[in-house]
Amino acid sequence: MRARRITDRPLPATRDRDGRWLGGSVAQWVEELTGAVLEYGASGFTLFAADHGSPGSTTLSRWAQEIAPAVREAIAK
């Protein structure tokens, strides 16, 4: 299984053959998480590192400064 990660460019496929989320660009994460909120009523998300350790500072920064605010904005519309 590939690591779930935030990439600089969009991935051609964000899911594996079994439908599991692989990761993608910030825009792809925002689309996925916004869909989870609007379609399934998700009310929170937990960021885990792919290696089961702690997420790196770059990942945390992108999550906190780019992804989370964009999801909040998208669901507020």
PDB file of N, CA and C in Angstrom:
ATOM      1  N   MET A   1       0.850  -1.180   0.000  1.00  0.00           N
ATOM      2  CA  MET A   1       0.000   0.000   0.000  1.00  0.00           C
ATOM      3  C   MET A   1       0.890   1.236   0.000  1.00  0.00           C
ATOM      4  N   ARG A   2       0.535   2.219  -0.795  1.00  0.00           N
ATOM      5  CA  ARG A   2       1.292   3.471  -0.848  1.00  0.00           C
ATOM      6  C   ARG A   2       0.935   4.351   0.335  1.00  0.00           C
ATOM      7  N   ALA A   3       1.871   5.191   0.693  1.00  0.00           N
ATOM      8  CA  ALA A   3       1.655   6.104   1.822  1.00  0.00           C
ATOM      9  C   ALA A   3       0.619   7.164   1.464  1.00  0.00           C
ATOM     10  N   ARG A   4      -0.199   7.512   2.426  1.00  0.00           N
ATOM     11  CA  ARG A   4      -1.140   8.613   2.246  1.00  0.00           C
ATOM     12  C   ARG A   4      -0.369   9.886   2.527  1.00  0.00           C
ATOM     13  N   ARG A   5      -0.273  10.739   1.525  1.00  0.00           N
ATOM     14  CA  ARG A   5       0.598  11.897   1.668  1.00  0.00           C
ATOM     15  C   ARG A   5       0.020  13.108   0.955  1.00  0.00           C
ATOM     16  N   ILE A   6       0.588  14.262   1.298  1.00  0.00           N
ATOM     17  CA  ILE A   6       0.240  15.508   0.624  1.00  0.00           C
ATOM     18  C   ILE A   6       1.322  15.736  -0.423  1.00  0.00           C
ATOM     19  N   THR A   7       0.932  15.800  -1.678  1.00  0.00           N
ATOM     20  CA  THR A   7       1.893  15.952  -2.764  1.00  0.00           C
ATOM     21  C   THR A   7       1.871  17.377  -3.313  1.00  0.00           C
ATOM     22  N   ASP A   8       2.940  17.732  -4.011  1.00  0.00           N
ATOM     23  CA  ASP A   8       3.012  19.064  -4.620  1.00  0.00           C
ATOM     24  C   ASP A   8       2.143  19.170  -5.865  1.00  0.00           C
ATOM     25  N   ARG A   9       1.965  18.058  -6.553  1.00  0.00           N
ATOM     26  CA  ARG A   9       1.156  18.038  -7.776  1.00  0.00           C
ATOM     27  C   ARG A   9       0.017  17.038  -7.619  1.00  0.00           C
ATOM     28  N   PRO A  10      -1.056  17.249  -8.344  1.00  0.00           N
ATOM     29  CA  PRO A  10      -2.158  16.286  -8.275  1.00  0.00           C
ATOM     30  C   PRO A  10      -1.699  14.892  -8.702  1.00  0.00           C
ATOM     31  N   LEU A  11      -2.227  13.883  -8.052  1.00  0.00           N
ATOM     32  CA  LEU A  11      -1.965  12.503  -8.449  1.00  0.00           C
ATOM     33  C   LEU A  11      -2.988  12.099  -9.502  1.00  0.00           C
ATOM     34  N   PRO A  12      -2.596  11.245 -10.452  1.00  0.00           N
ATOM     35  CA  PRO A  12      -3.560  10.811 -11.459  1.00  0.00           C
ATOM     36  C   PRO A  12      -4.696   9.981 -10.858  1.00  0.00           C
ATOM     37  N   ALA A  13      -4.426   9.296  -9.758  1.00  0.00           N
ATOM     38  CA  ALA A  13      -5.450   8.521  -9.045  1.00  0.00           C
ATOM     39  C   ALA A  13      -5.233   8.719  -7.551  1.00  0.00           C
ATOM     40  N   THR A  14      -6.287   9.019  -6.831  1.00  0.00           N
ATOM     41  CA  THR A  14      -6.168   9.252  -5.390  1.00  0.00           C
ATOM     42  C   THR A  14      -6.590   8.040  -4.568  1.00  0.00           C
ATOM     43  N   ARG A  15      -7.023   6.983  -5.237  1.00  0.00           N
ATOM     44  CA  ARG A  15      -7.451   5.767  -4.538  1.00  0.00           C
ATOM     45  C   ARG A  15      -6.803   4.538  -5.173  1.00  0.00           C
ATOM     46  N   ASP A  16      -6.593   3.508  -4.344  1.00  0.00           N
ATOM     47  CA  ASP A  16      -6.056   2.263  -4.882  1.00  0.00           C
ATOM     48  C   ASP A  16      -7.206   1.418  -5.440  1.00  0.00           C
ATOM     49  N   ARG A  17      -6.901   0.225  -5.904  1.00  0.00           N
ATOM     50  CA  ARG A  17      -7.923  -0.635  -6.518  1.00  0.00           C
ATOM     51  C   ARG A  17      -9.058  -0.987  -5.561  1.00  0.00           C
ATOM     52  N   ASP A  18      -8.759  -0.986  -4.269  1.00  0.00           N
ATOM     53  CA  ASP A  18      -9.776  -1.318  -3.269  1.00  0.00           C
ATOM     54  C   ASP A  18     -10.534  -0.094  -2.763  1.00  0.00           C
ATOM     55  N   GLY A  19     -10.241   1.076  -3.333  1.00  0.00           N
ATOM     56  CA  GLY A  19     -10.943   2.295  -2.956  1.00  0.00           C
ATOM     57  C   GLY A  19     -10.344   3.042  -1.785  1.00  0.00           C
ATOM     58  N   ARG A  20      -9.180   2.590  -1.294  1.00  0.00           N
ATOM     59  CA  ARG A  20      -8.539   3.276  -0.165  1.00  0.00           C
ATOM     60  C   ARG A  20      -7.837   4.544  -0.645  1.00  0.00           C
ATOM     61  N   TRP A  21      -7.954   5.594   0.161  1.00  0.00           N
ATOM     62  CA  TRP A  21      -7.354   6.896  -0.136  1.00  0.00           C
ATOM     63  C   TRP A  21      -5.835   6.786  -0.113  1.00  0.00           C
ATOM     64  N   LEU A  22      -5.185   7.299  -1.160  1.00  0.00           N
ATOM     65  CA  LEU A  22      -3.730   7.273  -1.258  1.00  0.00           C
ATOM     66  C   LEU A  22      -3.087   8.601  -0.896  1.00  0.00           C
ATOM     67  N   GLY A  23      -3.834   9.677  -1.050  1.00  0.00           N
ATOM     68  CA  GLY A  23      -3.274  11.007  -0.847  1.00  0.00           C
ATOM     69  C   GLY A  23      -3.408  11.806  -2.122  1.00  0.00           C
ATOM     70  N   GLY A  24      -2.748  12.942  -2.161  1.00  0.00           N
ATOM     71  CA  GLY A  24      -2.814  13.786  -3.338  1.00  0.00           C
ATOM     72  C   GLY A  24      -2.401  15.201  -3.010  1.00  0.00           C
ATOM     73  N   SER A  25      -2.672  16.086  -3.937  1.00  0.00           N
ATOM     74  CA  SER A  25      -2.335  17.495  -3.769  1.00  0.00           C
ATOM     75  C   SER A  25      -3.248  18.126  -2.718  1.00  0.00           C
ATOM     76  N   VAL A  26      -2.923  19.338  -2.334  1.00  0.00           N
ATOM     77  CA  VAL A  26      -3.770  20.056  -1.373  1.00  0.00           C
ATOM     78  C   VAL A  26      -5.205  20.114  -1.899  1.00  0.00           C
ATOM     79  N   ALA A  27      -5.375  20.448  -3.165  1.00  0.00           N
ATOM     80  CA  ALA A  27      -6.722  20.538  -3.742  1.00  0.00           C
ATOM     81  C   ALA A  27      -7.444  19.196  -3.682  1.00  0.00           C
ATOM     82  N   GLN A  28      -6.724  18.104  -3.921  1.00  0.00           N
ATOM     83  CA  GLN A  28      -7.344  16.787  -3.861  1.00  0.00           C
ATOM     84  C   GLN A  28      -7.746  16.424  -2.426  1.00  0.00           C
ATOM     85  N   TRP A  29      -6.908  16.784  -1.451  1.00  0.00           N
ATOM     86  CA  TRP A  29      -7.262  16.568  -0.046  1.00  0.00           C
ATOM     87  C   TRP A  29      -8.501  17.384   0.314  1.00  0.00           C
ATOM     88  N   VAL A  30      -8.529  18.639  -0.108  1.00  0.00           N
ATOM     89  CA  VAL A  30      -9.667  19.508   0.206  1.00  0.00           C
ATOM     90  C   VAL A  30     -10.946  18.928  -0.389  1.00  0.00           C
ATOM     91  N   GLU A  31     -10.883  18.480  -1.617  1.00  0.00           N
ATOM     92  CA  GLU A  31     -12.058  17.885  -2.261  1.00  0.00           C
ATOM     93  C   GLU A  31     -12.516  16.635  -1.504  1.00  0.00           C
ATOM     94  N   GLU A  32     -11.584  15.782  -1.142  1.00  0.00           N
ATOM     95  CA  GLU A  32     -11.918  14.541  -0.434  1.00  0.00           C
ATOM     96  C   GLU A  32     -12.545  14.817   0.933  1.00  0.00           C
ATOM     97  N   LEU A  33     -11.916  15.691   1.704  1.00  0.00           N
ATOM     98  CA  LEU A  33     -12.410  15.969   3.053  1.00  0.00           C
ATOM     99  C   LEU A  33     -13.717  16.752   3.036  1.00  0.00           C
ATOM    100  N   THR A  34     -13.847  17.679   2.097  1.00  0.00           N
ATOM    101  CA  THR A  34     -15.102  18.422   1.962  1.00  0.00           C
ATOM    102  C   THR A  34     -16.239  17.463   1.624  1.00  0.00           C
ATOM    103  N   GLY A  35     -15.969  16.531   0.725  1.00  0.00           N
ATOM    104  CA  GLY A  35     -16.969  15.521   0.387  1.00  0.00           C
ATOM    105  C   GLY A  35     -17.360  14.673   1.587  1.00  0.00           C
ATOM    106  N   ALA A  36     -16.383  14.329   2.415  1.00  0.00           N
ATOM    107  CA  ALA A  36     -16.674  13.529   3.616  1.00  0.00           C
ATOM    108  C   ALA A  36     -17.613  14.276   4.556  1.00  0.00           C
ATOM    109  N   VAL A  37     -17.417  15.583   4.666  1.00  0.00           N
ATOM    110  CA  VAL A  37     -18.283  16.389   5.539  1.00  0.00           C
ATOM    111  C   VAL A  37     -19.679  16.516   4.936  1.00  0.00           C
ATOM    112  N   LEU A  38     -19.749  16.937   3.689  1.00  0.00           N
ATOM    113  CA  LEU A  38     -21.041  17.232   3.072  1.00  0.00           C
ATOM    114  C   LEU A  38     -21.859  15.983   2.751  1.00  0.00           C
ATOM    115  N   GLU A  39     -21.196  14.904   2.351  1.00  0.00           N
ATOM    116  CA  GLU A  39     -21.917  13.698   1.943  1.00  0.00           C
ATOM    117  C   GLU A  39     -22.163  12.721   3.086  1.00  0.00           C
ATOM    118  N   TYR A  40     -21.247  12.679   4.051  1.00  0.00           N
ATOM    119  CA  TYR A  40     -21.334  11.650   5.092  1.00  0.00           C
ATOM    120  C   TYR A  40     -21.419  12.208   6.508  1.00  0.00           C
ATOM    121  N   GLY A  41     -21.397  13.525   6.648  1.00  0.00           N
ATOM    122  CA  GLY A  41     -21.532  14.137   7.961  1.00  0.00           C
ATOM    123  C   GLY A  41     -20.304  14.041   8.850  1.00  0.00           C
ATOM    124  N   ALA A  42     -19.135  13.835   8.254  1.00  0.00           N
ATOM    125  CA  ALA A  42     -17.908  13.796   9.060  1.00  0.00           C
ATOM    126  C   ALA A  42     -17.773  15.112   9.815  1.00  0.00           C
ATOM    127  N   SER A  43     -17.350  15.033  11.052  1.00  0.00           N
ATOM    128  CA  SER A  43     -17.256  16.255  11.859  1.00  0.00           C
ATOM    129  C   SER A  43     -15.856  16.527  12.375  1.00  0.00           C
ATOM    130  N   GLY A  44     -14.909  15.687  12.024  1.00  0.00           N
ATOM    131  CA  GLY A  44     -13.529  15.907  12.448  1.00  0.00           C
ATOM    132  C   GLY A  44     -12.606  14.951  11.727  1.00  0.00           C
ATOM    133  N   PHE A  45     -11.352  15.302  11.691  1.00  0.00           N
ATOM    134  CA  PHE A  45     -10.354  14.492  11.006  1.00  0.00           C
ATOM    135  C   PHE A  45      -9.114  14.399  11.873  1.00  0.00           C
ATOM    136  N   THR A  46      -8.411  13.290  11.771  1.00  0.00           N
ATOM    137  CA  THR A  46      -7.159  13.094  12.486  1.00  0.00           C
ATOM    138  C   THR A  46      -6.067  12.844  11.465  1.00  0.00           C
ATOM    139  N   LEU A  47      -4.988  13.562  11.567  1.00  0.00           N
ATOM    140  CA  LEU A  47      -3.861  13.401  10.659  1.00  0.00           C
ATOM    141  C   LEU A  47      -2.870  12.428  11.276  1.00  0.00           C
ATOM    142  N   PHE A  48      -2.621  11.322  10.592  1.00  0.00           N
ATOM    143  CA  PHE A  48      -1.629  10.342  11.014  1.00  0.00           C
ATOM    144  C   PHE A  48      -0.489  10.335  10.014  1.00  0.00           C
ATOM    145  N   ALA A  49       0.721  10.082  10.476  1.00  0.00           N
ATOM    146  CA  ALA A  49       1.870   9.939   9.587  1.00  0.00           C
ATOM    147  C   ALA A  49       1.792   8.583   8.895  1.00  0.00           C
ATOM    148  N   ALA A  50       2.276   8.528   7.666  1.00  0.00           N
ATOM    149  CA  ALA A  50       2.249   7.287   6.898  1.00  0.00           C
ATOM    150  C   ALA A  50       3.037   6.176   7.582  1.00  0.00           C
ATOM    151  N   ASP A  51       4.089   6.544   8.310  1.00  0.00           N
ATOM    152  CA  ASP A  51       4.931   5.535   8.967  1.00  0.00           C
ATOM    153  C   ASP A  51       4.495   5.263  10.400  1.00  0.00           C
ATOM    154  N   HIS A  52       3.325   5.746  10.771  1.00  0.00           N
ATOM    155  CA  HIS A  52       2.743   5.563  12.109  1.00  0.00           C
ATOM    156  C   HIS A  52       3.499   6.314  13.201  1.00  0.00           C
ATOM    157  N   GLY A  53       4.407   7.189  12.818  1.00  0.00           N
ATOM    158  CA  GLY A  53       5.088   8.055  13.781  1.00  0.00           C
ATOM    159  C   GLY A  53       4.348   9.378  13.856  1.00  0.00           C
ATOM    160  N   SER A  54       5.067  10.434  14.084  1.00  0.00           N
ATOM    161  CA  SER A  54       4.477  11.770  14.112  1.00  0.00           C
ATOM    162  C   SER A  54       4.592  12.404  12.737  1.00  0.00           C
ATOM    163  N   PRO A  55       3.564  13.126  12.285  1.00  0.00           N
ATOM    164  CA  PRO A  55       3.667  13.824  11.002  1.00  0.00           C
ATOM    165  C   PRO A  55       4.808  14.840  11.045  1.00  0.00           C
ATOM    166  N   GLY A  56       5.505  14.995   9.936  1.00  0.00           N
ATOM    167  CA  GLY A  56       6.594  15.959   9.855  1.00  0.00           C
ATOM    168  C   GLY A  56       6.085  17.391   9.896  1.00  0.00           C
ATOM    169  N   SER A  57       6.988  18.308  10.154  1.00  0.00           N
ATOM    170  CA  SER A  57       6.594  19.715  10.281  1.00  0.00           C
ATOM    171  C   SER A  57       6.020  20.275   8.980  1.00  0.00           C
ATOM    172  N   THR A  58       6.538  19.845   7.840  1.00  0.00           N
ATOM    173  CA  THR A  58       6.004  20.320   6.560  1.00  0.00           C
ATOM    174  C   THR A  58       4.571  19.837   6.373  1.00  0.00           C
ATOM    175  N   THR A  59       4.330  18.578   6.683  1.00  0.00           N
ATOM    176  CA  THR A  59       2.984  18.023   6.561  1.00  0.00           C
ATOM    177  C   THR A  59       2.020  18.720   7.509  1.00  0.00           C
ATOM    178  N   LEU A  60       2.435  18.898   8.749  1.00  0.00           N
ATOM    179  CA  LEU A  60       1.579  19.590   9.723  1.00  0.00           C
ATOM    180  C   LEU A  60       1.264  21.012   9.280  1.00  0.00           C
ATOM    181  N   SER A  61       2.268  21.694   8.753  1.00  0.00           N
ATOM    182  CA  SER A  61       2.085  23.066   8.297  1.00  0.00           C
ATOM    183  C   SER A  61       1.091  23.125   7.140  1.00  0.00           C
ATOM    184  N   ARG A  62       1.245  22.236   6.173  1.00  0.00           N
ATOM    185  CA  ARG A  62       0.335  22.236   5.019  1.00  0.00           C
ATOM    186  C   ARG A  62      -1.084  21.890   5.454  1.00  0.00           C
ATOM    187  N   TRP A  63      -1.196  20.947   6.384  1.00  0.00           N
ATOM    188  CA  TRP A  63      -2.513  20.556   6.894  1.00  0.00           C
ATOM    189  C   TRP A  63      -3.184  21.743   7.589  1.00  0.00           C
ATOM    190  N   ALA A  64      -2.435  22.391   8.481  1.00  0.00           N
ATOM    191  CA  ALA A  64      -2.997  23.473   9.303  1.00  0.00           C
ATOM    192  C   ALA A  64      -3.198  24.773   8.538  1.00  0.00           C
ATOM    193  N   GLN A  65      -2.308  25.074   7.596  1.00  0.00           N
ATOM    194  CA  GLN A  65      -2.360  26.369   6.929  1.00  0.00           C
ATOM    195  C   GLN A  65      -3.049  26.341   5.573  1.00  0.00           C
ATOM    196  N   GLU A  66      -3.144  25.157   4.967  1.00  0.00           N
ATOM    197  CA  GLU A  66      -3.739  25.086   3.633  1.00  0.00           C
ATOM    198  C   GLU A  66      -5.005  24.231   3.594  1.00  0.00           C
ATOM    199  N   ILE A  67      -4.901  23.000   4.062  1.00  0.00           N
ATOM    200  CA  ILE A  67      -6.007  22.057   3.904  1.00  0.00           C
ATOM    201  C   ILE A  67      -7.173  22.380   4.830  1.00  0.00           C
ATOM    202  N   ALA A  68      -6.928  22.447   6.123  1.00  0.00           N
ATOM    203  CA  ALA A  68      -8.029  22.683   7.078  1.00  0.00           C
ATOM    204  C   ALA A  68      -8.785  23.981   6.789  1.00  0.00           C
ATOM    205  N   PRO A  69      -8.103  25.106   6.556  1.00  0.00           N
ATOM    206  CA  PRO A  69      -8.855  26.337   6.260  1.00  0.00           C
ATOM    207  C   PRO A  69      -9.675  26.242   4.968  1.00  0.00           C
ATOM    208  N   ALA A  70      -9.131  25.570   3.963  1.00  0.00           N
ATOM    209  CA  ALA A  70      -9.859  25.444   2.698  1.00  0.00           C
ATOM    210  C   ALA A  70     -11.099  24.568   2.860  1.00  0.00           C
ATOM    211  N   VAL A  71     -11.004  23.518   3.670  1.00  0.00           N
ATOM    212  CA  VAL A  71     -12.182  22.675   3.926  1.00  0.00           C
ATOM    213  C   VAL A  71     -13.231  23.482   4.685  1.00  0.00           C
ATOM    214  N   ARG A  72     -12.797  24.212   5.697  1.00  0.00           N
ATOM    215  CA  ARG A  72     -13.748  25.056   6.450  1.00  0.00           C
ATOM    216  C   ARG A  72     -14.465  26.032   5.519  1.00  0.00           C
ATOM    217  N   GLU A  73     -13.707  26.664   4.644  1.00  0.00           N
ATOM    218  CA  GLU A  73     -14.294  27.630   3.711  1.00  0.00           C
ATOM    219  C   GLU A  73     -15.276  26.944   2.767  1.00  0.00           C
ATOM    220  N   ALA A  74     -14.900  25.778   2.258  1.00  0.00           N
ATOM    221  CA  ALA A  74     -15.759  25.068   1.306  1.00  0.00           C
ATOM    222  C   ALA A  74     -17.074  24.625   1.938  1.00  0.00           C
ATOM    223  N   ILE A  75     -17.039  24.180   3.182  1.00  0.00           N
ATOM    224  CA  ILE A  75     -18.288  23.704   3.795  1.00  0.00           C
ATOM    225  C   ILE A  75     -19.154  24.853   4.295  1.00  0.00           C
ATOM    226  N   ALA A  76     -18.568  26.035   4.403  1.00  0.00           N
ATOM    227  CA  ALA A  76     -19.334  27.206   4.847  1.00  0.00           C
ATOM    228  C   ALA A  76     -20.186  27.786   3.725  1.00  0.00           C
ATOM    229  N   LYS A  77     -19.906  27.415   2.491  1.00  0.00           N
ATOM    230  CA  LYS A  77     -20.633  27.972   1.335  1.00  0.00           C
ATOM    231  C   LYS A  77     -22.013  27.386   1.214  1.00  0.00           C
TER     232      LYS A  77
END
